[in-house]
Amino acid sequence: MTAHRPDLTNAVWRKSSRSSSTGQNCVEVAANLLGIVAVRDSKNPDGGALRFSPDEWKTFIAKIQTVASGS
């Protein structure tokens, strides 16, 4: 079975506002693609990307915000 790999050629990547100013631990997100949100390590942009559905991404972000707020 072959895994479907969405084309990320037109992805518009933005760096997380939580990335460190020294260039370490940088995450980039592309949310401009139809039906997927892609996440990659900015230090290794050709190393692949995680892909989420928009609903999975919203759930992920909500969980992170809950943990960060201590709730």
PDB file of N, CA and C in Angstrom:
ATOM      1  N   MET A   1       0.852  -1.166   0.000  1.00  0.00           N
ATOM      2  CA  MET A   1       0.000   0.000   0.000  1.00  0.00           C
ATOM      3  C   MET A   1       0.904   1.238   0.000  1.00  0.00           C
ATOM      4  N   THR A   2       0.578   2.208  -0.845  1.00  0.00           N
ATOM      5  CA  THR A   2       1.334   3.444  -0.940  1.00  0.00           C
ATOM      6  C   THR A   2       0.610   4.548  -0.177  1.00  0.00           C
ATOM      7  N   ALA A   3       1.337   5.263   0.667  1.00  0.00           N
ATOM      8  CA  ALA A   3       0.742   6.360   1.436  1.00  0.00           C
ATOM      9  C   ALA A   3       0.551   7.563   0.520  1.00  0.00           C
ATOM     10  N   HIS A   4      -0.553   8.250   0.676  1.00  0.00           N
ATOM     11  CA  HIS A   4      -0.820   9.476  -0.084  1.00  0.00           C
ATOM     12  C   HIS A   4      -0.028  10.621   0.534  1.00  0.00           C
ATOM     13  N   ARG A   5       0.768  11.307  -0.262  1.00  0.00           N
ATOM     14  CA  ARG A   5       1.563  12.444   0.207  1.00  0.00           C
ATOM     15  C   ARG A   5       1.090  13.691  -0.519  1.00  0.00           C
ATOM     16  N   PRO A   6       0.383  14.574   0.183  1.00  0.00           N
ATOM     17  CA  PRO A   6      -0.084  15.800  -0.459  1.00  0.00           C
ATOM     18  C   PRO A   6       1.081  16.636  -0.978  1.00  0.00           C
ATOM     19  N   ASP A   7       0.854  17.333  -2.067  1.00  0.00           N
ATOM     20  CA  ASP A   7       1.853  18.214  -2.655  1.00  0.00           C
ATOM     21  C   ASP A   7       1.997  19.463  -1.789  1.00  0.00           C
ATOM     22  N   LEU A   8       3.201  19.680  -1.273  1.00  0.00           N
ATOM     23  CA  LEU A   8       3.456  20.846  -0.416  1.00  0.00           C
ATOM     24  C   LEU A   8       4.193  21.957  -1.165  1.00  0.00           C
ATOM     25  N   THR A   9       4.261  21.849  -2.495  1.00  0.00           N
ATOM     26  CA  THR A   9       4.981  22.830  -3.300  1.00  0.00           C
ATOM     27  C   THR A   9       4.480  24.247  -3.065  1.00  0.00           C
ATOM     28  N   ASN A  10       3.185  24.422  -2.932  1.00  0.00           N
ATOM     29  CA  ASN A  10       2.598  25.762  -2.767  1.00  0.00           C
ATOM     30  C   ASN A  10       2.373  26.148  -1.310  1.00  0.00           C
ATOM     31  N   ALA A  11       2.951  25.388  -0.415  1.00  0.00           N
ATOM     32  CA  ALA A  11       2.793  25.693   1.013  1.00  0.00           C
ATOM     33  C   ALA A  11       3.433  27.042   1.337  1.00  0.00           C
ATOM     34  N   VAL A  12       2.723  27.829   2.113  1.00  0.00           N
ATOM     35  CA  VAL A  12       3.254  29.095   2.632  1.00  0.00           C
ATOM     36  C   VAL A  12       3.562  28.838   4.097  1.00  0.00           C
ATOM     37  N   TRP A  13       4.850  28.733   4.403  1.00  0.00           N
ATOM     38  CA  TRP A  13       5.300  28.366   5.744  1.00  0.00           C
ATOM     39  C   TRP A  13       5.448  29.604   6.606  1.00  0.00           C
ATOM     40  N   ARG A  14       4.986  29.512   7.851  1.00  0.00           N
ATOM     41  CA  ARG A  14       5.214  30.591   8.822  1.00  0.00           C
ATOM     42  C   ARG A  14       5.824  29.973  10.067  1.00  0.00           C
ATOM     43  N   LYS A  15       6.776  30.697  10.634  1.00  0.00           N
ATOM     44  CA  LYS A  15       7.480  30.202  11.810  1.00  0.00           C
ATOM     45  C   LYS A  15       6.647  30.478  13.054  1.00  0.00           C
ATOM     46  N   SER A  16       6.652  29.555  13.971  1.00  0.00           N
ATOM     47  CA  SER A  16       5.939  29.713  15.227  1.00  0.00           C
ATOM     48  C   SER A  16       6.441  30.935  15.992  1.00  0.00           C
ATOM     49  N   SER A  17       5.534  31.661  16.582  1.00  0.00           N
ATOM     50  CA  SER A  17       5.915  32.809  17.417  1.00  0.00           C
ATOM     51  C   SER A  17       6.636  32.351  18.675  1.00  0.00           C
ATOM     52  N   ARG A  18       6.557  31.077  18.998  1.00  0.00           N
ATOM     53  CA  ARG A  18       7.231  30.511  20.168  1.00  0.00           C
ATOM     54  C   ARG A  18       8.633  30.001  19.858  1.00  0.00           C
ATOM     55  N   SER A  19       9.043  30.089  18.594  1.00  0.00           N
ATOM     56  CA  SER A  19      10.390  29.655  18.232  1.00  0.00           C
ATOM     57  C   SER A  19      11.409  30.567  18.888  1.00  0.00           C
ATOM     58  N   SER A  20      12.548  30.009  19.229  1.00  0.00           N
ATOM     59  CA  SER A  20      13.560  30.800  19.917  1.00  0.00           C
ATOM     60  C   SER A  20      14.234  31.779  18.959  1.00  0.00           C
ATOM     61  N   SER A  21      14.714  32.875  19.501  1.00  0.00           N
ATOM     62  CA  SER A  21      15.354  33.910  18.693  1.00  0.00           C
ATOM     63  C   SER A  21      16.717  33.475  18.165  1.00  0.00           C
ATOM     64  N   THR A  22      17.292  32.421  18.718  1.00  0.00           N
ATOM     65  CA  THR A  22      18.606  31.949  18.280  1.00  0.00           C
ATOM     66  C   THR A  22      18.507  30.935  17.137  1.00  0.00           C
ATOM     67  N   GLY A  23      17.313  30.650  16.684  1.00  0.00           N
ATOM     68  CA  GLY A  23      17.137  29.714  15.574  1.00  0.00           C
ATOM     69  C   GLY A  23      17.016  28.269  15.990  1.00  0.00           C
ATOM     70  N   GLN A  24      17.026  27.997  17.264  1.00  0.00           N
ATOM     71  CA  GLN A  24      16.856  26.634  17.766  1.00  0.00           C
ATOM     72  C   GLN A  24      15.370  26.341  17.958  1.00  0.00           C
ATOM     73  N   ASN A  25      15.007  25.073  17.889  1.00  0.00           N
ATOM     74  CA  ASN A  25      13.644  24.641  18.198  1.00  0.00           C
ATOM     75  C   ASN A  25      12.584  25.389  17.408  1.00  0.00           C
ATOM     76  N   CYS A  26      12.784  25.523  16.109  1.00  0.00           N
ATOM     77  CA  CYS A  26      11.847  26.264  15.268  1.00  0.00           C
ATOM     78  C   CYS A  26      10.880  25.323  14.565  1.00  0.00           C
ATOM     79  N   VAL A  27       9.614  25.665  14.646  1.00  0.00           N
ATOM     80  CA  VAL A  27       8.566  24.917  13.979  1.00  0.00           C
ATOM     81  C   VAL A  27       7.893  25.853  12.989  1.00  0.00           C
ATOM     82  N   GLU A  28       7.608  25.341  11.789  1.00  0.00           N
ATOM     83  CA  GLU A  28       6.887  26.113  10.789  1.00  0.00           C
ATOM     84  C   GLU A  28       5.590  25.400  10.457  1.00  0.00           C
ATOM     85  N   VAL A  29       4.551  26.195  10.185  1.00  0.00           N
ATOM     86  CA  VAL A  29       3.229  25.668   9.884  1.00  0.00           C
ATOM     87  C   VAL A  29       2.761  26.250   8.552  1.00  0.00           C
ATOM     88  N   ALA A  30       2.179  25.408   7.726  1.00  0.00           N
ATOM     89  CA  ALA A  30       1.547  25.849   6.482  1.00  0.00           C
ATOM     90  C   ALA A  30       0.070  25.501   6.588  1.00  0.00           C
ATOM     91  N   ALA A  31      -0.769  26.529   6.638  1.00  0.00           N
ATOM     92  CA  ALA A  31      -2.214  26.310   6.773  1.00  0.00           C
ATOM     93  C   ALA A  31      -2.975  26.796   5.547  1.00  0.00           C
ATOM     94  N   ASN A  32      -2.272  27.051   4.454  1.00  0.00           N
ATOM     95  CA  ASN A  32      -2.921  27.579   3.255  1.00  0.00           C
ATOM     96  C   ASN A  32      -3.319  26.501   2.255  1.00  0.00           C
ATOM     97  N   LEU A  33      -3.121  25.254   2.587  1.00  0.00           N
ATOM     98  CA  LEU A  33      -3.404  24.159   1.665  1.00  0.00           C
ATOM     99  C   LEU A  33      -4.791  23.568   1.920  1.00  0.00           C
ATOM    100  N   LEU A  34      -5.459  23.198   0.866  1.00  0.00           N
ATOM    101  CA  LEU A  34      -6.822  22.678   0.969  1.00  0.00           C
ATOM    102  C   LEU A  34      -6.848  21.348   1.713  1.00  0.00           C
ATOM    103  N   GLY A  35      -7.521  21.314   2.843  1.00  0.00           N
ATOM    104  CA  GLY A  35      -7.750  20.073   3.570  1.00  0.00           C
ATOM    105  C   GLY A  35      -6.629  19.578   4.456  1.00  0.00           C
ATOM    106  N   ILE A  36      -5.485  20.284   4.510  1.00  0.00           N
ATOM    107  CA  ILE A  36      -4.409  19.841   5.394  1.00  0.00           C
ATOM    108  C   ILE A  36      -3.709  21.031   6.039  1.00  0.00           C
ATOM    109  N   VAL A  37      -3.121  20.759   7.185  1.00  0.00           N
ATOM    110  CA  VAL A  37      -2.206  21.688   7.845  1.00  0.00           C
ATOM    111  C   VAL A  37      -0.900  20.915   7.968  1.00  0.00           C
ATOM    112  N   ALA A  38       0.177  21.500   7.471  1.00  0.00           N
ATOM    113  CA  ALA A  38       1.476  20.824   7.493  1.00  0.00           C
ATOM    114  C   ALA A  38       2.387  21.499   8.505  1.00  0.00           C
ATOM    115  N   VAL A  39       3.208  20.705   9.169  1.00  0.00           N
ATOM    116  CA  VAL A  39       4.134  21.198  10.190  1.00  0.00           C
ATOM    117  C   VAL A  39       5.508  20.599   9.901  1.00  0.00           C
ATOM    118  N   ARG A  40       6.550  21.448   9.966  1.00  0.00           N
ATOM    119  CA  ARG A  40       7.905  20.962   9.718  1.00  0.00           C
ATOM    120  C   ARG A  40       8.904  21.645  10.641  1.00  0.00           C
ATOM    121  N   ASP A  41      10.083  21.071  10.711  1.00  0.00           N
ATOM    122  CA  ASP A  41      11.211  21.627  11.446  1.00  0.00           C
ATOM    123  C   ASP A  41      11.917  22.606  10.515  1.00  0.00           C
ATOM    124  N   SER A  42      12.003  23.877  10.890  1.00  0.00           N
ATOM    125  CA  SER A  42      12.600  24.871  10.001  1.00  0.00           C
ATOM    126  C   SER A  42      14.088  24.632   9.770  1.00  0.00           C
ATOM    127  N   LYS A  43      14.744  23.927  10.667  1.00  0.00           N
ATOM    128  CA  LYS A  43      16.159  23.628  10.491  1.00  0.00           C
ATOM    129  C   LYS A  43      16.375  22.540   9.449  1.00  0.00           C
ATOM    130  N   ASN A  44      15.323  21.817   9.093  1.00  0.00           N
ATOM    131  CA  ASN A  44      15.408  20.732   8.127  1.00  0.00           C
ATOM    132  C   ASN A  44      14.169  20.762   7.219  1.00  0.00           C
ATOM    133  N   PRO A  45      14.021  21.810   6.411  1.00  0.00           N
ATOM    134  CA  PRO A  45      12.795  21.969   5.624  1.00  0.00           C
ATOM    135  C   PRO A  45      12.559  20.870   4.596  1.00  0.00           C
ATOM    136  N   ASP A  46      13.598  20.175   4.182  1.00  0.00           N
ATOM    137  CA  ASP A  46      13.434  19.086   3.219  1.00  0.00           C
ATOM    138  C   ASP A  46      13.289  17.729   3.889  1.00  0.00           C
ATOM    139  N   GLY A  47      13.248  17.721   5.213  1.00  0.00           N
ATOM    140  CA  GLY A  47      13.195  16.477   5.958  1.00  0.00           C
ATOM    141  C   GLY A  47      11.813  15.890   6.111  1.00  0.00           C
ATOM    142  N   GLY A  48      10.820  16.490   5.500  1.00  0.00           N
ATOM    143  CA  GLY A  48       9.465  15.980   5.613  1.00  0.00           C
ATOM    144  C   GLY A  48       8.621  16.855   6.510  1.00  0.00           C
ATOM    145  N   ALA A  49       7.348  16.585   6.512  1.00  0.00           N
ATOM    146  CA  ALA A  49       6.405  17.376   7.304  1.00  0.00           C
ATOM    147  C   ALA A  49       5.311  16.467   7.845  1.00  0.00           C
ATOM    148  N   LEU A  50       4.838  16.807   9.013  1.00  0.00           N
ATOM    149  CA  LEU A  50       3.662  16.141   9.561  1.00  0.00           C
ATOM    150  C   LEU A  50       2.449  16.778   8.916  1.00  0.00           C
ATOM    151  N   ARG A  51       1.431  15.981   8.668  1.00  0.00           N
ATOM    152  CA  ARG A  51       0.219  16.490   8.040  1.00  0.00           C
ATOM    153  C   ARG A  51      -0.977  16.169   8.907  1.00  0.00           C
ATOM    154  N   PHE A  52      -1.808  17.196   9.108  1.00  0.00           N
ATOM    155  CA  PHE A  52      -3.009  17.072   9.928  1.00  0.00           C
ATOM    156  C   PHE A  52      -4.214  17.540   9.126  1.00  0.00           C
ATOM    157  N   SER A  53      -5.381  16.999   9.442  1.00  0.00           N
ATOM    158  CA  SER A  53      -6.604  17.590   8.901  1.00  0.00           C
ATOM    159  C   SER A  53      -6.844  18.874   9.698  1.00  0.00           C
ATOM    160  N   PRO A  54      -7.620  19.810   9.156  1.00  0.00           N
ATOM    161  CA  PRO A  54      -7.906  21.029   9.927  1.00  0.00           C
ATOM    162  C   PRO A  54      -8.520  20.729  11.299  1.00  0.00           C
ATOM    163  N   ASP A  55      -9.391  19.731  11.391  1.00  0.00           N
ATOM    164  CA  ASP A  55      -9.993  19.381  12.687  1.00  0.00           C
ATOM    165  C   ASP A  55      -8.962  18.794  13.649  1.00  0.00           C
ATOM    166  N   GLU A  56      -8.069  17.956  13.139  1.00  0.00           N
ATOM    167  CA  GLU A  56      -7.004  17.408  13.986  1.00  0.00           C
ATOM    168  C   GLU A  56      -6.106  18.527  14.502  1.00  0.00           C
ATOM    169  N   TRP A  57      -5.796  19.488  13.646  1.00  0.00           N
ATOM    170  CA  TRP A  57      -4.938  20.607  14.037  1.00  0.00           C
ATOM    171  C   TRP A  57      -5.604  21.448  15.124  1.00  0.00           C
ATOM    172  N   LYS A  58      -6.891  21.740  14.950  1.00  0.00           N
ATOM    173  CA  LYS A  58      -7.629  22.522  15.962  1.00  0.00           C
ATOM    174  C   LYS A  58      -7.625  21.804  17.307  1.00  0.00           C
ATOM    175  N   THR A  59      -7.821  20.491  17.284  1.00  0.00           N
ATOM    176  CA  THR A  59      -7.806  19.702  18.515  1.00  0.00           C
ATOM    177  C   THR A  59      -6.424  19.736  19.158  1.00  0.00           C
ATOM    178  N   PHE A  60      -5.383  19.589  18.360  1.00  0.00           N
ATOM    179  CA  PHE A  60      -4.008  19.629  18.843  1.00  0.00           C
ATOM    180  C   PHE A  60      -3.710  20.964  19.516  1.00  0.00           C
ATOM    181  N   ILE A  61      -4.050  22.062  18.852  1.00  0.00           N
ATOM    182  CA  ILE A  61      -3.803  23.402  19.392  1.00  0.00           C
ATOM    183  C   ILE A  61      -4.604  23.617  20.681  1.00  0.00           C
ATOM    184  N   ALA A  62      -5.847  23.168  20.694  1.00  0.00           N
ATOM    185  CA  ALA A  62      -6.668  23.318  21.905  1.00  0.00           C
ATOM    186  C   ALA A  62      -6.048  22.572  23.080  1.00  0.00           C
ATOM    187  N   LYS A  63      -5.538  21.373  22.843  1.00  0.00           N
ATOM    188  CA  LYS A  63      -4.895  20.596  23.915  1.00  0.00           C
ATOM    189  C   LYS A  63      -3.644  21.293  24.429  1.00  0.00           C
ATOM    190  N   ILE A  64      -2.843  21.831  23.514  1.00  0.00           N
ATOM    191  CA  ILE A  64      -1.633  22.549  23.909  1.00  0.00           C
ATOM    192  C   ILE A  64      -1.999  23.765  24.754  1.00  0.00           C
ATOM    193  N   GLN A  65      -3.011  24.505  24.346  1.00  0.00           N
ATOM    194  CA  GLN A  65      -3.428  25.685  25.093  1.00  0.00           C
ATOM    195  C   GLN A  65      -3.929  25.304  26.482  1.00  0.00           C
ATOM    196  N   THR A  66      -4.616  24.180  26.599  1.00  0.00           N
ATOM    197  CA  THR A  66      -5.097  23.709  27.892  1.00  0.00           C
ATOM    198  C   THR A  66      -3.923  23.369  28.813  1.00  0.00           C
ATOM    199  N   VAL A  67      -2.946  22.656  28.268  1.00  0.00           N
ATOM    200  CA  VAL A  67      -1.778  22.288  29.053  1.00  0.00           C
ATOM    201  C   VAL A  67      -0.984  23.536  29.450  1.00  0.00           C
ATOM    202  N   ALA A  68      -0.802  24.458  28.510  1.00  0.00           N
ATOM    203  CA  ALA A  68      -0.029  25.667  28.781  1.00  0.00           C
ATOM    204  C   ALA A  68      -0.692  26.554  29.832  1.00  0.00           C
ATOM    205  N   SER A  69      -2.012  26.533  29.864  1.00  0.00           N
ATOM    206  CA  SER A  69      -2.716  27.381  30.845  1.00  0.00           C
ATOM    207  C   SER A  69      -2.824  26.706  32.211  1.00  0.00           C
ATOM    208  N   GLY A  70      -2.427  25.442  32.282  1.00  0.00           N
ATOM    209  CA  GLY A  70      -2.470  24.725  33.556  1.00  0.00           C
ATOM    210  C   GLY A  70      -3.841  24.197  33.914  1.00  0.00           C
ATOM    211  N   SER A  71      -4.761  24.197  32.965  1.00  0.00           N
ATOM    212  CA  SER A  71      -6.128  23.703  33.225  1.00  0.00           C
ATOM    213  C   SER A  71      -6.199  22.198  33.194  1.00  0.00           C
TER     214      SER A  71
END
